[in-house]
Amino acid sequence: MNCSVPDGVLHCYAMDRQQDRLCLQFLWDFVTAKKPLINSPFFPVLFSFTAYMAFCLPYIALDFFSTRLPNLRKYKIQPQNYPTLGMMVPCIIQSAYHHVVWIFPVTFLHWYWKPVNLPVIAPELPEVLLQVVICLLLFDFEYFLWHLLHHRVPWLYKTFHKVHHKHVSTFALTTQYSSVWELLSLGFFAAINPLLLGCHPLTEMIFFLVLYWSFATVPFNWY
């Protein structure tokens, strides 16, 4: 019995894989054109802080305009609570402080020990989607256990986690309003998953963008 695959089927399969790769090749070529920036030890910190703040901005704008537009206010889950500038500024300052004083030294050491390697070929689209989903599920599971542990162990809650619950009525910027211990530990979980899966650098960037977007939306008290 001849079990060989027809040449036409193999050709179609190869063409499909090529199209999947070409879907992201243009994007990857655009990214690699900024290679001096990406290879810089400052890039991870700039990428993290800029992406997080950019995703928070639309929700900050909604909070700002909802105080002046009653029709917008009705979509707010807690319409009686509004974050003030005095609440937002400390969150921004603390996030910037954490990125400069704590995250940058850690990412610098990682950059020094393991220089960035940017392959020429982009990953295939199905591979990217699958690995991003797996990374998100792994991080969500790790975060759930870590968060549960900090609520079940009084010493952990009082020493590290209590600061995260300072704002009872949450808003977009409160996600990273946490202790250094929690920030670095969750950053470790986020960084280790793409490494364990052997993700392409583009896949890793997309995963972090989705993660930062979720950070901005999870504490947001709108429908």
C-alpha atoms as a PDB file:
ATOM      1  CA  MET A   1       0.000   0.000   0.000  1.00  0.00           C
ATOM      2  CA  ASN A   2       1.392   3.409  -0.954  1.00  0.00           C
ATOM      3  CA  CYS A   3       1.098   5.761   2.029  1.00  0.00           C
ATOM      4  CA  SER A   4       3.097   8.600   0.522  1.00  0.00           C
ATOM      5  CA  VAL A   5       1.588  12.070   0.505  1.00  0.00           C
ATOM      6  CA  PRO A   6       0.857  13.490  -2.978  1.00  0.00           C
ATOM      7  CA  ASP A   7       3.206  16.222  -4.131  1.00  0.00           C
ATOM      8  CA  GLY A   8       0.284  18.623  -4.566  1.00  0.00           C
ATOM      9  CA  VAL A   9      -0.733  18.267  -0.932  1.00  0.00           C
ATOM     10  CA  LEU A  10       2.815  18.858   0.249  1.00  0.00           C
ATOM     11  CA  HIS A  11       3.063  21.912  -2.010  1.00  0.00           C
ATOM     12  CA  CYS A  12      -0.198  23.365  -0.633  1.00  0.00           C
ATOM     13  CA  TYR A  13       0.964  22.709   2.917  1.00  0.00           C
ATOM     14  CA  ALA A  14       4.271  24.457   2.238  1.00  0.00           C
ATOM     15  CA  MET A  15       2.441  27.393   0.658  1.00  0.00           C
ATOM     16  CA  ASP A  16       0.097  27.683   3.661  1.00  0.00           C
ATOM     17  CA  ARG A  17       3.055  27.743   6.049  1.00  0.00           C
ATOM     18  CA  GLN A  18       4.750  30.357   3.893  1.00  0.00           C
ATOM     19  CA  GLN A  19       1.629  32.550   3.967  1.00  0.00           C
ATOM     20  CA  ASP A  20       1.375  32.161   7.756  1.00  0.00           C
ATOM     21  CA  ARG A  21       4.941  33.337   8.075  1.00  0.00           C
ATOM     22  CA  LEU A  22       4.526  36.199   5.584  1.00  0.00           C
ATOM     23  CA  CYS A  23       1.584  37.507   7.631  1.00  0.00           C
ATOM     24  CA  LEU A  24       4.051  38.559  10.310  1.00  0.00           C
ATOM     25  CA  GLN A  25       7.237  39.003   8.267  1.00  0.00           C
ATOM     26  CA  PHE A  26       6.390  42.609   7.384  1.00  0.00           C
ATOM     27  CA  LEU A  27       5.789  43.397  11.055  1.00  0.00           C
ATOM     28  CA  TRP A  28       8.982  41.625  12.094  1.00  0.00           C
ATOM     29  CA  ASP A  29      11.007  43.465   9.428  1.00  0.00           C
ATOM     30  CA  PHE A  30       9.663  46.737  10.841  1.00  0.00           C
ATOM     31  CA  VAL A  31      10.719  45.679  14.359  1.00  0.00           C
ATOM     32  CA  THR A  32      14.192  44.517  13.353  1.00  0.00           C
ATOM     33  CA  ALA A  33      14.746  47.804  11.510  1.00  0.00           C
ATOM     34  CA  LYS A  34      14.884  49.299  15.027  1.00  0.00           C
ATOM     35  CA  LYS A  35      17.590  46.807  16.043  1.00  0.00           C
ATOM     36  CA  PRO A  36      19.880  49.368  17.780  1.00  0.00           C
ATOM     37  CA  LEU A  37      16.988  50.361  20.049  1.00  0.00           C
ATOM     38  CA  ILE A  38      15.872  46.780  20.726  1.00  0.00           C
ATOM     39  CA  ASN A  39      19.443  45.712  21.519  1.00  0.00           C
ATOM     40  CA  SER A  40      19.746  48.547  24.013  1.00  0.00           C
ATOM     41  CA  PRO A  41      19.558  47.621  27.720  1.00  0.00           C
ATOM     42  CA  PHE A  42      17.036  50.466  28.089  1.00  0.00           C
ATOM     43  CA  PHE A  43      14.525  48.923  25.676  1.00  0.00           C
ATOM     44  CA  PRO A  44      12.748  46.483  28.066  1.00  0.00           C
ATOM     45  CA  VAL A  45      12.070  49.247  30.589  1.00  0.00           C
ATOM     46  CA  LEU A  46      10.929  51.736  27.943  1.00  0.00           C
ATOM     47  CA  PHE A  47       8.767  49.090  26.274  1.00  0.00           C
ATOM     48  CA  SER A  48       7.141  48.049  29.554  1.00  0.00           C
ATOM     49  CA  PHE A  49       6.476  51.518  30.948  1.00  0.00           C
ATOM     50  CA  THR A  50       5.366  53.064  27.637  1.00  0.00           C
ATOM     51  CA  ALA A  51       3.032  50.198  26.704  1.00  0.00           C
ATOM     52  CA  TYR A  52       1.430  50.112  30.146  1.00  0.00           C
ATOM     53  CA  MET A  53       0.852  53.876  30.250  1.00  0.00           C
ATOM     54  CA  ALA A  54      -0.445  53.918  26.666  1.00  0.00           C
ATOM     55  CA  PHE A  55      -3.033  51.242  27.463  1.00  0.00           C
ATOM     56  CA  CYS A  56      -4.063  53.109  30.628  1.00  0.00           C
ATOM     57  CA  LEU A  57      -4.605  56.447  28.869  1.00  0.00           C
ATOM     58  CA  PRO A  58      -8.007  55.682  27.250  1.00  0.00           C
ATOM     59  CA  TYR A  59      -9.419  54.595  30.612  1.00  0.00           C
ATOM     60  CA  ILE A  60      -7.960  57.633  32.357  1.00  0.00           C
ATOM     61  CA  ALA A  61      -9.683  59.766  29.712  1.00  0.00           C
ATOM     62  CA  LEU A  62     -12.991  57.977  30.373  1.00  0.00           C
ATOM     63  CA  ASP A  63     -12.670  58.678  34.082  1.00  0.00           C
ATOM     64  CA  PHE A  64     -11.903  62.323  33.361  1.00  0.00           C
ATOM     65  CA  PHE A  65     -14.744  62.922  30.890  1.00  0.00           C
ATOM     66  CA  SER A  66     -17.312  60.942  32.873  1.00  0.00           C
ATOM     67  CA  THR A  67     -17.323  63.644  35.546  1.00  0.00           C
ATOM     68  CA  ARG A  68     -18.539  66.099  32.894  1.00  0.00           C
ATOM     69  CA  LEU A  69     -20.724  63.851  30.727  1.00  0.00           C
ATOM     70  CA  PRO A  70     -23.717  62.303  32.562  1.00  0.00           C
ATOM     71  CA  ASN A  71     -24.510  60.023  29.612  1.00  0.00           C
ATOM     72  CA  LEU A  72     -21.075  58.456  29.960  1.00  0.00           C
ATOM     73  CA  ARG A  73     -21.318  58.164  33.735  1.00  0.00           C
ATOM     74  CA  LYS A  74     -24.157  55.614  33.599  1.00  0.00           C
ATOM     75  CA  TYR A  75     -21.766  52.954  32.279  1.00  0.00           C
ATOM     76  CA  LYS A  76     -19.579  53.189  35.361  1.00  0.00           C
ATOM     77  CA  ILE A  77     -19.964  50.315  37.851  1.00  0.00           C
ATOM     78  CA  GLN A  78     -19.258  52.642  40.776  1.00  0.00           C
ATOM     79  CA  PRO A  79     -20.607  55.995  39.529  1.00  0.00           C
ATOM     80  CA  GLN A  80     -20.134  57.598  42.939  1.00  0.00           C
ATOM     81  CA  ASN A  81     -16.348  57.014  42.941  1.00  0.00           C
ATOM     82  CA  TYR A  82     -13.901  58.844  40.717  1.00  0.00           C
ATOM     83  CA  PRO A  83     -10.109  58.695  40.760  1.00  0.00           C
ATOM     84  CA  THR A  84      -8.660  62.146  41.321  1.00  0.00           C
ATOM     85  CA  LEU A  85      -5.413  63.582  40.043  1.00  0.00           C
ATOM     86  CA  GLY A  86      -4.066  63.240  43.563  1.00  0.00           C
ATOM     87  CA  MET A  87      -4.724  59.483  43.355  1.00  0.00           C
ATOM     88  CA  MET A  88      -3.331  59.026  39.855  1.00  0.00           C
ATOM     89  CA  VAL A  89      -0.058  60.929  40.192  1.00  0.00           C
ATOM     90  CA  PRO A  90       1.351  58.756  43.031  1.00  0.00           C
ATOM     91  CA  CYS A  91       0.583  55.645  40.948  1.00  0.00           C
ATOM     92  CA  ILE A  92       2.468  57.052  37.954  1.00  0.00           C
ATOM     93  CA  ILE A  93       5.396  58.173  40.110  1.00  0.00           C
ATOM     94  CA  GLN A  94       5.616  54.813  41.866  1.00  0.00           C
ATOM     95  CA  SER A  95       5.465  52.905  38.559  1.00  0.00           C
ATOM     96  CA  ALA A  96       8.232  55.098  37.095  1.00  0.00           C
ATOM     97  CA  TYR A  97      10.304  54.671  40.268  1.00  0.00           C
ATOM     98  CA  HIS A  98       9.940  50.881  40.189  1.00  0.00           C
ATOM     99  CA  HIS A  99      10.925  50.726  36.521  1.00  0.00           C
ATOM    100  CA  VAL A 100      14.021  52.890  36.978  1.00  0.00           C
ATOM    101  CA  VAL A 101      15.290  51.672  40.361  1.00  0.00           C
ATOM    102  CA  TRP A 102      14.300  47.989  40.286  1.00  0.00           C
ATOM    103  CA  ILE A 103      13.243  46.719  36.862  1.00  0.00           C
ATOM    104  CA  PHE A 104      16.062  48.379  34.925  1.00  0.00           C
ATOM    105  CA  PRO A 105      18.900  46.749  36.956  1.00  0.00           C
ATOM    106  CA  VAL A 106      17.261  43.332  36.562  1.00  0.00           C
ATOM    107  CA  THR A 107      16.764  43.708  32.807  1.00  0.00           C
ATOM    108  CA  PHE A 108      20.289  45.131  32.463  1.00  0.00           C
ATOM    109  CA  LEU A 109      21.760  42.026  34.084  1.00  0.00           C
ATOM    110  CA  HIS A 110      19.671  39.834  31.783  1.00  0.00           C
ATOM    111  CA  TRP A 111      20.845  41.871  28.785  1.00  0.00           C
ATOM    112  CA  TYR A 112      24.473  41.531  29.920  1.00  0.00           C
ATOM    113  CA  TRP A 113      24.319  37.760  30.472  1.00  0.00           C
ATOM    114  CA  LYS A 114      22.138  36.952  27.476  1.00  0.00           C
ATOM    115  CA  PRO A 115      22.413  39.450  24.579  1.00  0.00           C
ATOM    116  CA  VAL A 116      19.333  39.864  22.411  1.00  0.00           C
ATOM    117  CA  ASN A 117      19.262  37.589  19.368  1.00  0.00           C
ATOM    118  CA  LEU A 118      16.925  38.718  16.586  1.00  0.00           C
ATOM    119  CA  PRO A 119      16.325  36.024  13.947  1.00  0.00           C
ATOM    120  CA  VAL A 120      15.723  37.108  10.367  1.00  0.00           C
ATOM    121  CA  ILE A 121      12.598  34.994   9.840  1.00  0.00           C
ATOM    122  CA  ALA A 122       9.307  35.822  11.539  1.00  0.00           C
ATOM    123  CA  PRO A 123       7.320  33.098  13.322  1.00  0.00           C
ATOM    124  CA  GLU A 124       4.216  31.534  11.823  1.00  0.00           C
ATOM    125  CA  LEU A 125       0.888  33.056  12.802  1.00  0.00           C
ATOM    126  CA  PRO A 126      -0.681  29.875  14.280  1.00  0.00           C
ATOM    127  CA  GLU A 127       2.460  29.330  16.369  1.00  0.00           C
ATOM    128  CA  VAL A 128       2.288  32.894  17.691  1.00  0.00           C
ATOM    129  CA  LEU A 129      -1.398  32.641  18.600  1.00  0.00           C
ATOM    130  CA  LEU A 130      -0.967  29.295  20.333  1.00  0.00           C
ATOM    131  CA  GLN A 131       2.082  30.323  22.341  1.00  0.00           C
ATOM    132  CA  VAL A 132       0.562  33.668  23.379  1.00  0.00           C
ATOM    133  CA  VAL A 133      -2.553  31.879  24.657  1.00  0.00           C
ATOM    134  CA  ILE A 134      -0.449  29.319  26.549  1.00  0.00           C
ATOM    135  CA  CYS A 135       1.719  32.054  28.085  1.00  0.00           C
ATOM    136  CA  LEU A 136      -1.386  33.958  29.196  1.00  0.00           C
ATOM    137  CA  LEU A 137      -2.966  30.858  30.738  1.00  0.00           C
ATOM    138  CA  LEU A 138       0.257  29.966  32.547  1.00  0.00           C
ATOM    139  CA  PHE A 139       0.665  33.491  33.889  1.00  0.00           C
ATOM    140  CA  ASP A 140      -2.959  33.638  34.991  1.00  0.00           C
ATOM    141  CA  PHE A 141      -2.573  30.349  36.877  1.00  0.00           C
ATOM    142  CA  GLU A 142       0.691  31.480  38.495  1.00  0.00           C
ATOM    143  CA  TYR A 143      -0.770  34.853  39.412  1.00  0.00           C
ATOM    144  CA  PHE A 144      -3.870  33.225  40.924  1.00  0.00           C
ATOM    145  CA  LEU A 145      -1.796  30.961  43.174  1.00  0.00           C
ATOM    146  CA  TRP A 146       0.598  33.775  44.121  1.00  0.00           C
ATOM    147  CA  HIS A 147      -2.260  36.160  44.904  1.00  0.00           C
ATOM    148  CA  LEU A 148      -4.120  33.501  46.887  1.00  0.00           C
ATOM    149  CA  LEU A 149      -0.982  32.762  48.901  1.00  0.00           C
ATOM    150  CA  HIS A 150      -0.589  36.452  49.818  1.00  0.00           C
ATOM    151  CA  HIS A 151      -4.165  36.536  51.063  1.00  0.00           C
ATOM    152  CA  ARG A 152      -3.954  33.267  52.996  1.00  0.00           C
ATOM    153  CA  VAL A 153      -0.675  34.030  54.773  1.00  0.00           C
ATOM    154  CA  PRO A 154      -1.139  37.070  57.079  1.00  0.00           C
ATOM    155  CA  TRP A 155       2.573  37.918  57.140  1.00  0.00           C
ATOM    156  CA  LEU A 156       2.744  38.057  53.338  1.00  0.00           C
ATOM    157  CA  TYR A 157      -0.380  40.204  53.171  1.00  0.00           C
ATOM    158  CA  LYS A 158       0.772  42.716  55.794  1.00  0.00           C
ATOM    159  CA  THR A 159       4.368  42.853  54.600  1.00  0.00           C
ATOM    160  CA  PHE A 160       3.941  42.878  50.813  1.00  0.00           C
ATOM    161  CA  HIS A 161       0.386  42.722  49.486  1.00  0.00           C
ATOM    162  CA  LYS A 162      -1.497  45.257  51.607  1.00  0.00           C
ATOM    163  CA  VAL A 163      -0.160  48.219  49.640  1.00  0.00           C
ATOM    164  CA  HIS A 164      -1.888  46.874  46.504  1.00  0.00           C
ATOM    165  CA  HIS A 165      -5.273  47.228  48.225  1.00  0.00           C
ATOM    166  CA  LYS A 166      -4.824  50.864  49.183  1.00  0.00           C
ATOM    167  CA  HIS A 167      -7.324  51.935  46.510  1.00  0.00           C
ATOM    168  CA  VAL A 168     -10.728  50.401  47.258  1.00  0.00           C
ATOM    169  CA  SER A 169     -12.302  51.856  44.127  1.00  0.00           C
ATOM    170  CA  THR A 170      -9.762  50.759  41.552  1.00  0.00           C
ATOM    171  CA  PHE A 171      -8.794  52.452  38.304  1.00  0.00           C
ATOM    172  CA  ALA A 172      -6.440  51.596  35.460  1.00  0.00           C
ATOM    173  CA  LEU A 173      -3.218  52.800  37.104  1.00  0.00           C
ATOM    174  CA  THR A 174      -3.654  50.752  40.286  1.00  0.00           C
ATOM    175  CA  THR A 175      -2.465  47.474  38.744  1.00  0.00           C
ATOM    176  CA  GLN A 176       1.203  48.282  39.253  1.00  0.00           C
ATOM    177  CA  TYR A 177       0.623  50.056  42.549  1.00  0.00           C
ATOM    178  CA  SER A 178       2.217  47.274  44.535  1.00  0.00           C
ATOM    179  CA  SER A 179       5.275  46.376  46.544  1.00  0.00           C
ATOM    180  CA  VAL A 180       8.618  45.781  44.864  1.00  0.00           C
ATOM    181  CA  TRP A 181       8.454  42.130  45.937  1.00  0.00           C
ATOM    182  CA  GLU A 182       5.188  41.549  44.073  1.00  0.00           C
ATOM    183  CA  LEU A 183       6.245  43.566  41.053  1.00  0.00           C
ATOM    184  CA  LEU A 184       9.483  41.617  40.577  1.00  0.00           C
ATOM    185  CA  SER A 185       7.950  38.218  41.329  1.00  0.00           C
ATOM    186  CA  LEU A 186       5.116  38.717  38.846  1.00  0.00           C
ATOM    187  CA  GLY A 187       7.607  40.080  36.335  1.00  0.00           C
ATOM    188  CA  PHE A 188       9.574  36.870  36.779  1.00  0.00           C
ATOM    189  CA  PHE A 189       6.478  34.761  36.056  1.00  0.00           C
ATOM    190  CA  ALA A 190       5.734  36.811  32.952  1.00  0.00           C
ATOM    191  CA  ALA A 191       9.311  36.545  31.652  1.00  0.00           C
ATOM    192  CA  ILE A 192       9.916  32.858  32.370  1.00  0.00           C
ATOM    193  CA  ASN A 193       6.922  31.471  30.448  1.00  0.00           C
ATOM    194  CA  PRO A 194       8.027  32.601  26.939  1.00  0.00           C
ATOM    195  CA  LEU A 195      11.527  31.392  27.792  1.00  0.00           C
ATOM    196  CA  LEU A 196      10.283  27.933  28.767  1.00  0.00           C
ATOM    197  CA  LEU A 197       8.218  27.679  25.570  1.00  0.00           C
ATOM    198  CA  GLY A 198      11.095  28.880  23.397  1.00  0.00           C
ATOM    199  CA  CYS A 199       9.031  31.710  21.964  1.00  0.00           C
ATOM    200  CA  HIS A 200      10.203  33.864  19.079  1.00  0.00           C
ATOM    201  CA  PRO A 201      11.076  37.445  20.192  1.00  0.00           C
ATOM    202  CA  LEU A 202       8.064  38.753  18.243  1.00  0.00           C
ATOM    203  CA  THR A 203       5.802  36.282  20.046  1.00  0.00           C
ATOM    204  CA  GLU A 204       7.250  37.447  23.352  1.00  0.00           C
ATOM    205  CA  MET A 205       6.572  41.104  22.490  1.00  0.00           C
ATOM    206  CA  ILE A 206       2.982  40.352  21.488  1.00  0.00           C
ATOM    207  CA  PHE A 207       2.457  38.386  24.714  1.00  0.00           C
ATOM    208  CA  PHE A 208       3.710  41.298  26.812  1.00  0.00           C
ATOM    209  CA  LEU A 209       1.533  43.766  24.910  1.00  0.00           C
ATOM    210  CA  VAL A 210      -1.558  41.641  25.574  1.00  0.00           C
ATOM    211  CA  LEU A 211      -0.484  41.288  29.211  1.00  0.00           C
ATOM    212  CA  TYR A 212      -0.039  45.056  29.662  1.00  0.00           C
ATOM    213  CA  TRP A 213      -3.415  45.637  28.046  1.00  0.00           C
ATOM    214  CA  SER A 214      -4.997  43.228  30.538  1.00  0.00           C
ATOM    215  CA  PHE A 215      -3.205  45.033  33.382  1.00  0.00           C
ATOM    216  CA  ALA A 216      -4.853  48.282  32.300  1.00  0.00           C
ATOM    217  CA  THR A 217      -8.341  46.805  31.875  1.00  0.00           C
ATOM    218  CA  VAL A 218      -8.641  44.360  34.801  1.00  0.00           C
ATOM    219  CA  PRO A 219      -8.940  46.968  37.603  1.00  0.00           C
ATOM    220  CA  PHE A 220     -11.106  49.272  35.513  1.00  0.00           C
ATOM    221  CA  ASN A 221     -14.548  49.792  37.020  1.00  0.00           C
ATOM    222  CA  TRP A 222     -16.546  50.320  33.841  1.00  0.00           C
ATOM    223  CA  TYR A 223     -18.802  47.968  31.898  1.00  0.00           C
END
